[in-house]
């Protein structure tokens, strides 16, 4: 059987340090019927020279050099506009793909007739030494990734890492343009829309060495680590939810009437609990409807976090006192 064509979309920006390893790992895949479409977002290092060098060696490479910096989301949106194959994949510039990544994903998407497939990742350091064999278990998204194939997986937070995605090109029209919300990255939005409009499948094996080197745009560190005070962490997390549901309401056409009603209630709920210093008694049904697809532990943890913050604040201050003694 003839291999179906895949467009691999690689966004680059000042990626000279690890780019050659990544390009080699893509070009040496066991599945060879692909085009590697690369958009460089105004790199100031030797990235463009490296890309030109590889373009001369392999005619599957198609280069695009941006004249002004687009930023990550817009650069991937540009790349999506260049897709002509039946399927496409995303790639980061600093990882290493395992040799059969494309083959594994293509087999899965055709076996299950899915609209999008994603996989696990192996977390490695800058020298490719293993830190954690399963990114999805480390980030606690493994349960939902395994259990759900629809919106229940993506509605509250993202379980899909963009550099593991293989998706049908026919879905692109459903999620463009990407939202102008810096906290909703391209992979989150694409997975969310696909989970609402189509079917998602998960491959429970790592197909990428996901390199952590201190300059990752998105990595394994949680954004709340930059805050020292509990109230700062809590406000940050609540603001993310508020902005998320504002975006959902702005793009209401992708949601059902039932979910649009919940989106409106959710926005009202998170705006209320942001001003709660001790105990909140309102909107508990809304909380349940938002979080009911998560584990019991997650459900209880965040119920207290949002609605009874005085407990968390007390415990956090004790922990800080012990830590600093």
Protein backbone atom coordinates (compact mmCIF):
# COMPACT_ATOMS: atom_id res chain seq x y z
CA UNK A 1 0.00 0.00 0.00
CA UNK A 2 1.31 3.45 -0.94
CA UNK A 3 2.15 5.69 2.01
CA UNK A 4 -0.15 8.71 2.39
CA UNK A 5 1.56 12.11 2.24
CA UNK A 6 2.23 14.03 5.45
CA UNK A 7 3.27 17.67 5.85
CA UNK A 8 5.54 18.17 8.88
CA UNK A 9 5.41 21.76 10.17
CA UNK A 10 8.52 23.04 11.92
CA UNK A 11 8.63 26.52 13.46
CA UNK A 12 12.13 27.84 14.18
CA UNK A 13 13.53 30.79 16.10
CA UNK A 14 17.17 31.07 17.22
CA UNK A 15 17.40 27.28 17.29
CA UNK A 16 20.99 26.75 16.13
CA UNK A 17 22.07 24.75 19.19
CA UNK A 18 19.84 21.70 18.71
CA UNK A 19 18.38 22.15 15.24
CA UNK A 20 20.64 19.75 13.34
CA UNK A 21 19.80 16.85 15.68
CA UNK A 22 16.10 17.50 15.21
CA UNK A 23 16.34 17.79 11.43
CA UNK A 24 18.32 14.55 11.23
CA UNK A 25 15.77 12.72 13.38
CA UNK A 26 12.91 13.85 11.11
CA UNK A 27 14.65 13.17 7.82
CA UNK A 28 15.64 9.66 8.97
CA UNK A 29 12.10 8.52 9.82
CA UNK A 30 11.03 5.01 8.82
CA UNK A 31 8.03 6.66 7.12
CA UNK A 32 9.43 8.65 4.22
CA UNK A 33 6.50 10.16 2.30
CA UNK A 34 6.47 13.62 3.82
CA UNK A 35 7.33 17.23 3.15
CA UNK A 36 9.08 19.18 5.89
CA UNK A 37 7.73 22.75 5.79
CA UNK A 38 9.81 25.14 7.90
CA UNK A 39 9.01 28.74 8.84
CA UNK A 40 11.77 30.70 10.52
CA UNK A 41 10.53 33.59 12.66
CA UNK A 42 13.40 36.10 12.14
CA UNK A 43 16.20 34.15 13.82
CA UNK A 44 19.30 36.18 14.66
CA UNK A 45 21.69 33.23 15.04
CA UNK A 46 22.84 30.72 12.42
CA UNK A 47 19.45 28.97 12.16
CA UNK A 48 18.80 30.15 8.60
CA UNK A 49 22.24 29.05 7.40
CA UNK A 50 21.63 25.58 8.87
CA UNK A 51 18.24 25.39 7.15
CA UNK A 52 19.68 26.38 3.78
CA UNK A 53 22.38 23.73 4.20
CA UNK A 54 19.78 21.01 4.83
CA UNK A 55 17.53 22.24 2.01
CA UNK A 56 20.35 21.52 -0.45
CA UNK A 57 20.70 17.96 0.89
CA UNK A 58 17.02 16.90 0.92
CA UNK A 59 14.35 17.96 -1.56
CA UNK A 60 11.58 17.18 0.95
CA UNK A 61 12.40 20.46 2.73
CA UNK A 62 10.44 23.65 1.95
CA UNK A 63 11.69 26.87 3.58
CA UNK A 64 9.86 30.07 4.47
CA UNK A 65 11.67 33.02 6.07
CA UNK A 66 9.51 35.58 7.85
CA UNK A 67 10.38 39.28 7.42
CA UNK A 68 8.96 40.29 10.81
CA UNK A 69 8.56 38.31 14.00
CA UNK A 70 5.15 36.62 14.19
CA UNK A 71 5.39 34.86 17.54
CA UNK A 72 4.74 31.17 18.10
CA UNK A 73 0.98 30.98 17.51
CA UNK A 74 1.00 33.10 14.35
CA UNK A 75 4.02 31.24 12.99
CA UNK A 76 2.20 27.91 13.36
CA UNK A 77 -0.90 29.50 11.85
CA UNK A 78 1.21 30.53 8.87
CA UNK A 79 2.54 26.98 8.56
CA UNK A 80 -0.99 25.56 8.64
CA UNK A 81 -1.83 27.75 5.63
CA UNK A 82 0.90 25.93 3.66
CA UNK A 83 -0.44 22.42 4.22
CA UNK A 84 -1.46 20.55 1.08
CA UNK A 85 -1.13 16.90 2.20
CA UNK A 86 -3.97 14.84 3.67
CA UNK A 87 -2.28 14.83 7.09
CA UNK A 88 0.02 17.20 8.96
CA UNK A 89 2.26 17.09 12.04
CA UNK A 90 3.89 19.72 14.25
CA UNK A 91 7.54 19.78 15.25
CA UNK A 92 9.56 21.83 17.71
CA UNK A 93 13.13 22.79 16.88
CA UNK A 94 14.93 21.36 19.90
CA UNK A 95 13.58 17.83 20.38
CA UNK A 96 14.60 14.52 18.84
CA UNK A 97 12.03 12.29 17.13
CA UNK A 98 12.29 8.55 17.61
CA UNK A 99 12.77 6.81 14.23
CA UNK A 100 9.24 5.39 13.91
CA UNK A 101 7.27 8.38 15.21
CA UNK A 102 5.50 9.16 11.93
CA UNK A 103 4.84 5.49 11.22
CA UNK A 104 3.30 4.86 14.66
CA UNK A 105 1.00 7.89 14.37
CA UNK A 106 -0.07 7.13 10.81
CA UNK A 107 -0.94 3.56 11.73
CA UNK A 108 -3.04 4.76 14.68
CA UNK A 109 -4.97 7.48 12.87
CA UNK A 110 -5.89 5.10 10.05
CA UNK A 111 -6.74 2.17 12.32
CA UNK A 112 -9.19 4.23 14.39
CA UNK A 113 -10.22 6.70 11.67
CA UNK A 114 -9.45 9.54 14.09
CA UNK A 115 -9.16 13.22 13.26
CA UNK A 116 -6.16 13.72 15.53
CA UNK A 117 -3.62 11.41 17.18
CA UNK A 118 -1.13 12.33 19.88
CA UNK A 119 1.45 10.42 21.89
CA UNK A 120 3.45 10.45 25.10
CA UNK A 121 6.93 12.00 25.34
CA UNK A 122 10.15 11.03 27.09
CA UNK A 123 11.51 13.98 29.06
CA UNK A 124 15.28 14.41 28.62
CA UNK A 125 17.93 16.95 29.59
CA UNK A 126 19.95 19.03 27.14
CA UNK A 127 22.26 16.06 26.51
CA UNK A 128 19.31 13.67 25.89
CA UNK A 129 19.70 11.88 29.23
CA UNK A 130 16.34 10.61 30.49
CA UNK A 131 14.68 12.67 33.23
CA UNK A 132 11.25 11.06 33.08
CA UNK A 133 10.07 8.28 30.78
CA UNK A 134 6.50 9.64 30.63
CA UNK A 135 5.75 13.34 30.30
CA UNK A 136 2.01 12.69 30.46
CA UNK A 137 2.28 10.87 33.77
CA UNK A 138 4.58 13.54 35.16
CA UNK A 139 2.15 16.31 34.20
CA UNK A 140 -0.83 14.26 35.49
CA UNK A 141 -2.74 14.26 32.19
CA UNK A 142 -2.29 10.52 31.61
CA UNK A 143 -5.69 9.49 33.04
CA UNK A 144 -7.74 11.78 30.80
CA UNK A 145 -5.58 11.07 27.76
CA UNK A 146 -6.27 7.36 28.17
CA UNK A 147 -9.95 7.62 29.11
CA UNK A 148 -11.53 10.18 26.77
CA UNK A 149 -11.59 10.80 23.01
CA UNK A 150 -13.89 13.85 23.03
CA UNK A 151 -14.26 17.28 24.67
CA UNK A 152 -14.06 15.83 28.19
CA UNK A 153 -10.31 15.45 27.71
CA UNK A 154 -9.62 19.03 26.60
CA UNK A 155 -12.36 21.23 28.05
CA UNK A 156 -10.66 22.22 31.31
CA UNK A 157 -6.95 22.00 30.43
CA UNK A 158 -4.74 20.71 27.65
CA UNK A 159 -3.70 17.05 27.56
CA UNK A 160 -2.20 17.18 24.06
CA UNK A 161 1.39 18.24 23.40
CA UNK A 162 1.66 19.85 19.97
CA UNK A 163 4.90 18.23 18.86
CA UNK A 164 3.25 14.78 19.16
CA UNK A 165 0.22 15.61 16.99
CA UNK A 166 -0.72 14.00 13.69
CA UNK A 167 -4.02 15.35 12.36
CA UNK A 168 -6.24 15.41 9.32
CA UNK A 169 -5.86 18.49 7.16
CA UNK A 170 -9.64 18.58 6.66
CA UNK A 171 -10.00 19.83 10.25
CA UNK A 172 -7.85 22.95 9.79
CA UNK A 173 -10.77 25.11 8.65
CA UNK A 174 -12.54 24.35 11.94
CA UNK A 175 -10.00 26.03 14.23
CA UNK A 176 -8.54 28.89 12.22
CA UNK A 177 -7.89 31.65 13.02
CA UNK A 178 -6.16 30.70 16.26
CA UNK A 179 -7.34 32.70 19.30
CA UNK A 180 -5.47 35.85 20.27
CA UNK A 181 -4.91 34.61 23.79
CA UNK A 182 -1.27 34.06 24.78
CA UNK A 183 -2.30 31.40 27.30
CA UNK A 184 -4.11 29.25 24.74
CA UNK A 185 -1.36 27.91 22.52
CA UNK A 186 -1.93 26.41 19.08
CA UNK A 187 -1.87 22.79 20.29
CA UNK A 188 -4.44 23.44 23.02
CA UNK A 189 -6.86 25.13 20.66
CA UNK A 190 -6.45 22.59 17.88
CA UNK A 191 -6.98 19.69 20.29
CA UNK A 192 -9.98 21.39 21.92
CA UNK A 193 -11.73 22.12 18.63
CA UNK A 194 -10.99 18.62 17.34
CA UNK A 195 -12.36 17.13 20.57
CA UNK A 196 -15.59 19.07 20.00
CA UNK A 197 -15.92 18.46 16.27
CA UNK A 198 -14.22 15.10 15.77
CA UNK A 199 -12.40 12.21 17.40
CA UNK A 200 -9.03 12.08 19.17
CA UNK A 201 -6.87 8.99 19.74
CA UNK A 202 -3.96 8.56 22.12
CA UNK A 203 -0.86 6.43 21.58
CA UNK A 204 0.50 5.40 24.96
CA UNK A 205 4.16 5.33 23.96
CA UNK A 206 6.78 8.06 23.82
CA UNK A 207 7.71 9.01 20.26
CA UNK A 208 9.82 12.06 21.11
CA UNK A 209 12.77 12.91 23.30
CA UNK A 210 11.37 16.13 24.79
CA UNK A 211 14.43 18.20 25.56
CA UNK A 212 14.48 20.46 28.62
CA UNK A 213 17.25 23.04 28.43
CA UNK A 214 16.13 26.16 30.25
CA UNK A 215 14.94 28.07 27.18
CA UNK A 216 11.84 26.06 26.32
CA UNK A 217 8.78 28.12 25.51
CA UNK A 218 6.70 25.39 27.11
CA UNK A 219 8.26 22.67 29.24
CA UNK A 220 7.78 20.64 32.37
CA UNK A 221 7.93 23.52 34.87
CA UNK A 222 4.67 24.94 36.14
CA UNK A 223 4.15 28.67 35.69
CA UNK A 224 3.08 29.12 39.33
CA UNK A 225 6.65 28.32 40.45
CA UNK A 226 7.60 31.94 39.73
CA UNK A 227 5.35 33.18 42.57
CA UNK A 228 6.29 33.08 46.26
CA UNK A 229 2.91 33.88 47.85
CA UNK A 230 -0.17 31.66 47.85
CA UNK A 231 -2.50 34.50 46.84
CA UNK A 232 -0.28 35.23 43.83
CA UNK A 233 -0.39 31.61 42.71
CA UNK A 234 -4.14 31.39 43.21
CA UNK A 235 -4.84 34.67 41.38
CA UNK A 236 -2.68 33.56 38.48
CA UNK A 237 -4.50 30.24 38.11
CA UNK A 238 -7.93 31.88 38.38
CA UNK A 239 -6.98 34.56 35.82
CA UNK A 240 -6.00 31.78 33.40
CA UNK A 241 -9.46 30.27 33.81
CA UNK A 242 -11.20 33.63 33.41
CA UNK A 243 -9.31 34.39 30.20
CA UNK A 244 -9.91 30.84 28.94
CA UNK A 245 -13.68 31.06 29.33
CA UNK A 246 -13.74 34.56 27.83
CA UNK A 247 -12.04 33.06 24.77
CA UNK A 248 -14.53 30.19 24.74
CA UNK A 249 -17.42 32.66 24.74
CA UNK A 250 -15.79 34.77 22.05
CA UNK A 251 -15.56 31.68 19.84
CA UNK A 252 -18.97 30.35 20.79
CA UNK A 253 -19.59 28.89 17.33
CA UNK A 254 -17.43 25.84 18.11
CA UNK A 255 -19.43 24.88 21.23
CA UNK A 256 -22.87 23.36 21.63
CA UNK A 257 -25.63 25.43 23.25
CA UNK A 258 -25.24 23.35 26.42
CA UNK A 259 -21.49 24.02 26.65
CA UNK A 260 -21.94 27.71 25.81
CA UNK A 261 -24.29 27.97 28.77
CA UNK A 262 -21.69 26.26 30.97
CA UNK A 263 -18.95 28.55 29.61
CA UNK A 264 -20.96 31.59 30.66
CA UNK A 265 -21.63 30.13 34.11
CA UNK A 266 -17.97 29.15 34.47
CA UNK A 267 -16.79 32.68 33.73
CA UNK A 268 -19.19 34.06 36.34
CA UNK A 269 -18.03 31.41 38.82
CA UNK A 270 -14.29 32.12 38.46
CA UNK A 271 -14.83 35.89 38.61
CA UNK A 272 -16.68 35.31 41.89
CA UNK A 273 -14.14 33.01 43.54
CA UNK A 274 -11.28 35.35 42.65
CA UNK A 275 -12.72 37.76 45.22
CA UNK A 276 -13.22 35.02 47.80
CA UNK A 277 -10.71 35.23 50.65
CA UNK A 278 -12.12 32.58 52.97
CA UNK A 279 -15.20 30.53 51.99
CA UNK A 280 -17.48 30.60 48.95
CA UNK A 281 -20.95 29.00 49.02
CA UNK A 282 -22.16 29.99 45.55
CA UNK A 283 -21.82 28.20 42.23
CA UNK A 284 -20.93 24.77 43.58
CA UNK A 285 -23.06 23.09 40.89
CA UNK A 286 -21.13 24.99 38.24
CA UNK A 287 -17.88 23.82 39.80
CA UNK A 288 -19.14 20.23 39.63
CA UNK A 289 -20.15 20.54 35.97
CA UNK A 290 -16.70 21.91 35.07
CA UNK A 291 -14.60 19.43 37.04
CA UNK A 292 -16.71 16.26 37.04
CA UNK A 293 -14.55 14.51 34.44
CA UNK A 294 -11.42 14.72 36.56
CA UNK A 295 -10.14 12.34 39.21
CA UNK A 296 -11.62 12.50 42.70
CA UNK A 297 -8.33 13.76 44.11
CA UNK A 298 -8.10 16.58 41.57
CA UNK A 299 -11.77 17.42 42.11
CA UNK A 300 -11.42 17.73 45.90
CA UNK A 301 -8.05 19.53 45.74
CA UNK A 302 -9.32 22.31 43.50
CA UNK A 303 -12.68 22.52 45.22
CA UNK A 304 -10.86 23.55 48.39
CA UNK A 305 -8.36 25.68 46.44
CA UNK A 306 -11.08 27.79 44.81
CA UNK A 307 -13.84 27.75 47.42
CA UNK A 308 -12.09 27.49 50.80
CA UNK A 309 -8.75 29.25 50.18
CA UNK A 310 -8.26 30.01 53.87
CA UNK A 311 -7.31 26.34 54.39
CA UNK A 312 -4.72 26.43 51.62
CA UNK A 313 -3.36 29.80 52.76
CA UNK A 314 -2.88 28.54 56.31
CA UNK A 315 -1.14 25.35 55.18
CA UNK A 316 1.02 27.18 52.65
CA UNK A 317 2.21 29.72 55.23
CA UNK A 318 3.15 26.91 57.63
CA UNK A 319 5.07 25.15 54.85
CA UNK A 320 6.93 28.37 54.02
CA UNK A 321 7.79 28.96 57.68
CA UNK A 322 9.21 25.42 58.08
CA UNK A 323 11.09 25.67 54.78
CA UNK A 324 12.72 28.99 55.71
CA UNK A 325 13.75 28.03 59.25
